Structure formats: C-alpha cells, structure tokens
Amino acid sequence: MATVMVVDDAAFMRMRCAKLLKEHGYTVVEAENGAEAVRLYKEARPDGVLMDITMPVMDGLQALAAIKGFDPTARVAMVTAMGQQAIVIDALKAGAKDFVVKPFQPERVLAAVKRLIG
C-alpha cells in the first residue's frame, strides 16, 4: 500500500490523520515540522504528503519548496486553517497538488490522498 507522510506541529492532528489513513490501509510517516519533513522525505520517499502550512522551525511553504527542489515529482497537499486562502494560492503555485481545510473532514482527507497518489 502507499505511504503518506503527515506533517503537522500539533500532535493531535497528526495522530488523528495518521489513524484515519492507517484504517484505510496506508502506511504513515509522521513529522512535526517542515525541517523534519524534508529530512524524512529524503529517507522514506513517501507516495504523498499532507503538510500543515503554519509550523515552527520551517513552515509548510518552505518545506514544500525544499521537497520540490529535491524531488520535482513530489505529491504534496497542504493542510490549512480557514482564512489562509492567499497562502494556499501561493502553495498551489509552488507545486502543491491540493489542499485540505482544518478542522478536516475524514472524507476530504481521503479524497485528497487518493488524488495525490492516483
């Protein structure tokens, strides 16, 4: 089954998303900030990434740019809070394939992952 990396500084959000994906047969790798996501991406080579935008150390946009610089074919969907539409547009321009709004609906997360991985 496909591997999905879940990147969020909020442990609760990571656990909730990881549990949902595991229940649907995905292997999950977790990172708590953008810098860790870039490092783990290079190691794990996940099939898709769900990445929060607002995080300490390195935010989601910086991590997206670093991952796309390393692997231009990386499939990343951004996870964002309501009211961050301008940042989402920047992320899509930078190569993100989709976005999910928090608090997320399980069906929306699964649909985004299916779109990412194909």
N, C-alpha and C. Protein backbone atom coordinates (compact mmCIF):
# COMPACT_ATOMS: atom_id res chain seq x y z
N MET A 1 0.84 -1.19 0.00
CA MET A 1 0.00 0.00 0.00
C MET A 1 0.88 1.25 0.00
N ALA A 2 0.31 2.34 -0.36
CA ALA A 2 1.04 3.59 -0.47
C ALA A 2 1.43 4.15 0.90
N THR A 3 2.51 4.93 0.90
CA THR A 3 2.99 5.59 2.11
C THR A 3 2.66 7.07 2.03
N VAL A 4 2.09 7.60 3.11
CA VAL A 4 1.74 9.01 3.19
C VAL A 4 2.47 9.62 4.38
N MET A 5 3.12 10.77 4.16
CA MET A 5 3.74 11.49 5.26
C MET A 5 2.77 12.57 5.74
N VAL A 6 2.52 12.58 7.05
CA VAL A 6 1.64 13.56 7.67
C VAL A 6 2.54 14.53 8.45
N VAL A 7 2.46 15.82 8.10
CA VAL A 7 3.32 16.82 8.72
C VAL A 7 2.44 17.87 9.41
N ASP A 8 2.54 17.94 10.73
CA ASP A 8 1.78 18.92 11.49
C ASP A 8 2.45 19.08 12.85
N ASP A 9 2.58 20.31 13.32
CA ASP A 9 3.19 20.53 14.63
C ASP A 9 2.26 20.15 15.78
N ALA A 10 0.97 20.01 15.49
CA ALA A 10 0.01 19.61 16.52
C ALA A 10 -0.08 18.08 16.55
N ALA A 11 0.39 17.49 17.65
CA ALA A 11 0.40 16.03 17.77
C ALA A 11 -0.99 15.43 17.58
N PHE A 12 -2.01 16.10 18.11
CA PHE A 12 -3.38 15.61 17.98
C PHE A 12 -3.78 15.49 16.50
N MET A 13 -3.47 16.51 15.71
CA MET A 13 -3.83 16.49 14.29
C MET A 13 -3.07 15.38 13.56
N ARG A 14 -1.79 15.22 13.87
CA ARG A 14 -1.01 14.14 13.25
C ARG A 14 -1.60 12.78 13.59
N MET A 15 -1.91 12.58 14.87
CA MET A 15 -2.44 11.28 15.30
C MET A 15 -3.80 11.01 14.66
N ARG A 16 -4.65 12.02 14.62
CA ARG A 16 -5.99 11.85 14.05
C ARG A 16 -5.89 11.49 12.56
N CYS A 17 -5.03 12.20 11.84
CA CYS A 17 -4.88 11.96 10.41
C CYS A 17 -4.20 10.60 10.16
N ALA A 18 -3.16 10.31 10.94
CA ALA A 18 -2.46 9.03 10.78
C ALA A 18 -3.39 7.85 11.05
N LYS A 19 -4.21 7.96 12.09
CA LYS A 19 -5.16 6.89 12.42
C LYS A 19 -6.13 6.66 11.26
N LEU A 20 -6.67 7.74 10.72
CA LEU A 20 -7.60 7.64 9.59
C LEU A 20 -6.94 6.94 8.40
N LEU A 21 -5.73 7.37 8.06
CA LEU A 21 -5.05 6.79 6.90
C LEU A 21 -4.70 5.32 7.12
N LYS A 22 -4.22 4.99 8.33
CA LYS A 22 -3.89 3.59 8.64
C LYS A 22 -5.12 2.71 8.55
N GLU A 23 -6.27 3.23 9.01
CA GLU A 23 -7.53 2.47 8.95
C GLU A 23 -7.92 2.17 7.50
N HIS A 24 -7.43 2.97 6.57
CA HIS A 24 -7.74 2.78 5.16
C HIS A 24 -6.57 2.15 4.39
N GLY A 25 -5.64 1.55 5.14
CA GLY A 25 -4.60 0.74 4.52
C GLY A 25 -3.31 1.43 4.14
N TYR A 26 -3.18 2.70 4.47
CA TYR A 26 -1.95 3.42 4.13
C TYR A 26 -0.89 3.21 5.20
N THR A 27 0.36 3.25 4.78
CA THR A 27 1.49 3.30 5.70
C THR A 27 1.71 4.78 5.96
N VAL A 28 1.97 5.15 7.21
CA VAL A 28 2.09 6.56 7.56
C VAL A 28 3.44 6.86 8.20
N VAL A 29 4.05 7.95 7.75
CA VAL A 29 5.26 8.50 8.34
C VAL A 29 4.86 9.87 8.88
N GLU A 30 5.30 10.21 10.10
CA GLU A 30 4.90 11.48 10.71
C GLU A 30 6.09 12.40 10.94
N ALA A 31 5.87 13.70 10.73
CA ALA A 31 6.87 14.73 11.02
C ALA A 31 6.17 15.87 11.74
N GLU A 32 6.89 16.51 12.68
CA GLU A 32 6.26 17.56 13.47
C GLU A 32 6.61 18.97 13.03
N ASN A 33 7.47 19.12 12.01
CA ASN A 33 7.74 20.44 11.45
C ASN A 33 8.31 20.27 10.05
N GLY A 34 8.46 21.37 9.35
CA GLY A 34 8.92 21.32 7.97
C GLY A 34 10.32 20.77 7.80
N ALA A 35 11.22 21.13 8.71
CA ALA A 35 12.60 20.65 8.61
C ALA A 35 12.65 19.13 8.75
N GLU A 36 11.90 18.60 9.70
CA GLU A 36 11.84 17.16 9.88
C GLU A 36 11.20 16.50 8.66
N ALA A 37 10.19 17.16 8.08
CA ALA A 37 9.52 16.63 6.89
C ALA A 37 10.49 16.50 5.73
N VAL A 38 11.32 17.51 5.51
CA VAL A 38 12.29 17.46 4.41
C VAL A 38 13.26 16.30 4.63
N ARG A 39 13.77 16.17 5.86
CA ARG A 39 14.72 15.09 6.17
C ARG A 39 14.05 13.72 5.98
N LEU A 40 12.85 13.55 6.52
CA LEU A 40 12.15 12.27 6.41
C LEU A 40 11.72 11.96 4.98
N TYR A 41 11.39 12.99 4.22
CA TYR A 41 11.00 12.77 2.83
C TYR A 41 12.15 12.10 2.08
N LYS A 42 13.35 12.58 2.30
CA LYS A 42 14.52 12.02 1.61
C LYS A 42 14.77 10.57 2.02
N GLU A 43 14.45 10.23 3.26
CA GLU A 43 14.65 8.87 3.76
C GLU A 43 13.52 7.94 3.32
N ALA A 44 12.29 8.36 3.55
CA ALA A 44 11.13 7.48 3.37
C ALA A 44 10.57 7.48 1.96
N ARG A 45 10.81 8.55 1.19
CA ARG A 45 10.26 8.68 -0.16
C ARG A 45 8.77 8.32 -0.21
N PRO A 46 7.93 9.02 0.58
CA PRO A 46 6.50 8.69 0.60
C PRO A 46 5.84 8.95 -0.76
N ASP A 47 4.74 8.29 -0.97
CA ASP A 47 3.98 8.46 -2.22
C ASP A 47 3.22 9.78 -2.23
N GLY A 48 2.91 10.30 -1.05
CA GLY A 48 2.20 11.56 -0.93
C GLY A 48 2.48 12.20 0.42
N VAL A 49 2.24 13.51 0.50
CA VAL A 49 2.48 14.26 1.73
C VAL A 49 1.28 15.15 2.04
N LEU A 50 0.82 15.10 3.29
CA LEU A 50 -0.18 16.05 3.79
C LEU A 50 0.58 16.96 4.74
N MET A 51 0.70 18.26 4.39
CA MET A 51 1.55 19.15 5.15
C MET A 51 0.82 20.40 5.63
N ASP A 52 0.91 20.62 6.94
CA ASP A 52 0.37 21.83 7.54
C ASP A 52 1.17 23.02 7.01
N ILE A 53 0.56 24.19 6.95
CA ILE A 53 1.27 25.37 6.47
C ILE A 53 1.98 26.08 7.62
N THR A 54 1.28 26.31 8.73
CA THR A 54 1.85 27.09 9.83
C THR A 54 2.49 26.16 10.85
N MET A 55 3.84 26.17 10.89
CA MET A 55 4.59 25.33 11.82
C MET A 55 5.87 26.05 12.24
N PRO A 56 6.40 25.69 13.40
CA PRO A 56 7.69 26.26 13.82
C PRO A 56 8.85 25.61 13.07
N VAL A 57 10.03 26.13 13.23
CA VAL A 57 11.28 25.66 12.66
C VAL A 57 11.33 25.94 11.15
N MET A 58 10.43 25.33 10.40
CA MET A 58 10.31 25.57 8.95
C MET A 58 8.84 25.41 8.61
N ASP A 59 8.24 26.43 8.00
CA ASP A 59 6.81 26.33 7.70
C ASP A 59 6.56 25.44 6.48
N GLY A 60 5.29 25.19 6.23
CA GLY A 60 4.91 24.29 5.15
C GLY A 60 5.32 24.77 3.77
N LEU A 61 5.27 26.08 3.52
CA LEU A 61 5.68 26.59 2.21
C LEU A 61 7.18 26.40 1.98
N GLN A 62 7.98 26.66 3.01
CA GLN A 62 9.42 26.45 2.90
C GLN A 62 9.74 24.97 2.70
N ALA A 63 9.05 24.12 3.44
CA ALA A 63 9.26 22.67 3.31
C ALA A 63 8.82 22.18 1.93
N LEU A 64 7.70 22.71 1.44
CA LEU A 64 7.24 22.35 0.10
C LEU A 64 8.31 22.69 -0.94
N ALA A 65 8.86 23.89 -0.85
CA ALA A 65 9.90 24.31 -1.80
C ALA A 65 11.12 23.41 -1.71
N ALA A 66 11.53 23.06 -0.49
CA ALA A 66 12.70 22.20 -0.31
C ALA A 66 12.45 20.79 -0.85
N ILE A 67 11.27 20.25 -0.58
CA ILE A 67 10.93 18.91 -1.08
C ILE A 67 10.84 18.91 -2.60
N LYS A 68 10.18 19.92 -3.17
CA LYS A 68 10.07 20.01 -4.64
C LYS A 68 11.44 20.23 -5.28
N GLY A 69 12.34 20.93 -4.59
CA GLY A 69 13.70 21.11 -5.08
C GLY A 69 14.46 19.80 -5.12
N PHE A 70 14.21 18.96 -4.14
CA PHE A 70 14.85 17.64 -4.06
C PHE A 70 14.19 16.66 -5.03
N ASP A 71 12.85 16.71 -5.10
CA ASP A 71 12.08 15.78 -5.93
C ASP A 71 10.95 16.55 -6.62
N PRO A 72 11.19 17.02 -7.84
CA PRO A 72 10.16 17.81 -8.55
C PRO A 72 8.84 17.06 -8.76
N THR A 73 8.85 15.74 -8.64
CA THR A 73 7.62 14.96 -8.83
C THR A 73 6.87 14.72 -7.52
N ALA A 74 7.36 15.28 -6.42
CA ALA A 74 6.71 15.08 -5.11
C ALA A 74 5.25 15.49 -5.18
N ARG A 75 4.40 14.70 -4.52
CA ARG A 75 2.97 14.96 -4.49
C ARG A 75 2.59 15.42 -3.10
N VAL A 76 2.29 16.71 -2.98
CA VAL A 76 2.04 17.32 -1.67
C VAL A 76 0.69 18.03 -1.67
N ALA A 77 -0.08 17.81 -0.61
CA ALA A 77 -1.32 18.56 -0.37
C ALA A 77 -1.12 19.35 0.92
N MET A 78 -1.51 20.60 0.90
CA MET A 78 -1.35 21.45 2.07
C MET A 78 -2.59 21.35 2.96
N VAL A 79 -2.36 21.43 4.26
CA VAL A 79 -3.44 21.43 5.24
C VAL A 79 -3.43 22.82 5.87
N THR A 80 -4.57 23.48 5.85
CA THR A 80 -4.62 24.87 6.25
C THR A 80 -5.83 25.19 7.11
N ALA A 81 -5.68 26.20 7.93
CA ALA A 81 -6.82 26.69 8.72
C ALA A 81 -7.67 27.60 7.83
N MET A 82 -8.88 27.80 8.22
CA MET A 82 -9.75 28.73 7.49
C MET A 82 -9.08 30.11 7.46
N GLY A 83 -9.29 30.84 6.38
CA GLY A 83 -8.78 32.20 6.31
C GLY A 83 -7.36 32.31 5.77
N GLN A 84 -6.78 31.23 5.29
CA GLN A 84 -5.42 31.27 4.75
C GLN A 84 -5.43 31.09 3.23
N GLN A 85 -6.47 31.59 2.57
CA GLN A 85 -6.61 31.37 1.14
C GLN A 85 -5.43 31.90 0.33
N ALA A 86 -4.90 33.06 0.71
CA ALA A 86 -3.77 33.64 -0.03
C ALA A 86 -2.55 32.72 0.06
N ILE A 87 -2.33 32.14 1.22
CA ILE A 87 -1.20 31.22 1.39
C ILE A 87 -1.43 29.95 0.59
N VAL A 88 -2.66 29.48 0.55
CA VAL A 88 -2.99 28.29 -0.23
C VAL A 88 -2.69 28.53 -1.71
N ILE A 89 -3.04 29.70 -2.20
CA ILE A 89 -2.76 30.02 -3.61
C ILE A 89 -1.26 30.01 -3.85
N ASP A 90 -0.47 30.57 -2.92
CA ASP A 90 0.99 30.53 -3.04
C ASP A 90 1.48 29.08 -3.06
N ALA A 91 0.91 28.24 -2.22
CA ALA A 91 1.32 26.84 -2.16
C ALA A 91 1.00 26.12 -3.46
N LEU A 92 -0.17 26.38 -4.02
CA LEU A 92 -0.54 25.75 -5.29
C LEU A 92 0.40 26.21 -6.41
N LYS A 93 0.75 27.48 -6.41
CA LYS A 93 1.71 28.00 -7.40
C LYS A 93 3.08 27.37 -7.23
N ALA A 94 3.43 27.03 -5.97
CA ALA A 94 4.73 26.43 -5.67
C ALA A 94 4.77 24.93 -5.93
N GLY A 95 3.63 24.36 -6.32
CA GLY A 95 3.64 22.95 -6.69
C GLY A 95 2.77 22.03 -5.86
N ALA A 96 2.07 22.55 -4.85
CA ALA A 96 1.14 21.71 -4.11
C ALA A 96 0.03 21.26 -5.05
N LYS A 97 -0.45 20.05 -4.87
CA LYS A 97 -1.46 19.48 -5.76
C LYS A 97 -2.88 19.70 -5.27
N ASP A 98 -3.04 19.95 -3.96
CA ASP A 98 -4.37 20.04 -3.39
C ASP A 98 -4.24 20.70 -2.03
N PHE A 99 -5.36 20.94 -1.37
CA PHE A 99 -5.34 21.44 0.00
C PHE A 99 -6.55 20.92 0.75
N VAL A 100 -6.39 20.83 2.06
CA VAL A 100 -7.45 20.37 2.96
C VAL A 100 -7.58 21.43 4.05
N VAL A 101 -8.82 21.82 4.36
CA VAL A 101 -9.05 22.84 5.38
C VAL A 101 -9.31 22.18 6.74
N LYS A 102 -8.65 22.71 7.78
CA LYS A 102 -8.87 22.27 9.16
C LYS A 102 -10.03 23.05 9.75
N PRO A 103 -10.80 22.47 10.63
CA PRO A 103 -10.74 21.05 11.01
C PRO A 103 -11.22 20.19 9.85
N PHE A 104 -10.45 19.18 9.53
CA PHE A 104 -10.74 18.41 8.31
C PHE A 104 -11.84 17.38 8.50
N GLN A 105 -12.51 17.12 7.39
CA GLN A 105 -13.49 16.05 7.33
C GLN A 105 -12.75 14.81 6.82
N PRO A 106 -12.94 13.65 7.46
CA PRO A 106 -12.23 12.45 7.04
C PRO A 106 -12.35 12.15 5.54
N GLU A 107 -13.55 12.33 4.98
CA GLU A 107 -13.75 12.04 3.55
C GLU A 107 -12.89 12.95 2.69
N ARG A 108 -12.71 14.20 3.12
CA ARG A 108 -11.92 15.16 2.35
C ARG A 108 -10.44 14.78 2.36
N VAL A 109 -9.96 14.33 3.51
CA VAL A 109 -8.56 13.89 3.61
C VAL A 109 -8.33 12.69 2.70
N LEU A 110 -9.23 11.71 2.78
CA LEU A 110 -9.07 10.52 1.94
C LEU A 110 -9.15 10.86 0.46
N ALA A 111 -10.05 11.77 0.09
CA ALA A 111 -10.16 12.18 -1.31
C ALA A 111 -8.88 12.87 -1.78
N ALA A 112 -8.32 13.72 -0.93
CA ALA A 112 -7.07 14.41 -1.30
C ALA A 112 -5.93 13.42 -1.49
N VAL A 113 -5.84 12.44 -0.59
CA VAL A 113 -4.77 11.44 -0.70
C VAL A 113 -4.97 10.61 -1.96
N LYS A 114 -6.19 10.22 -2.26
CA LYS A 114 -6.45 9.44 -3.49
C LYS A 114 -6.06 10.25 -4.72
N ARG A 115 -6.37 11.55 -4.71
CA ARG A 115 -5.98 12.40 -5.83
C ARG A 115 -4.47 12.52 -5.96
N LEU A 116 -3.81 12.63 -4.82
CA LEU A 116 -2.34 12.76 -4.82
C LEU A 116 -1.68 11.53 -5.39
N ILE A 117 -2.12 10.38 -4.92
CA ILE A 117 -1.44 9.13 -5.24
C ILE A 117 -1.95 8.50 -6.52
N GLY A 118 -3.20 8.80 -6.85
CA GLY A 118 -3.74 8.31 -8.12
C GLY A 118 -4.23 6.90 -8.09
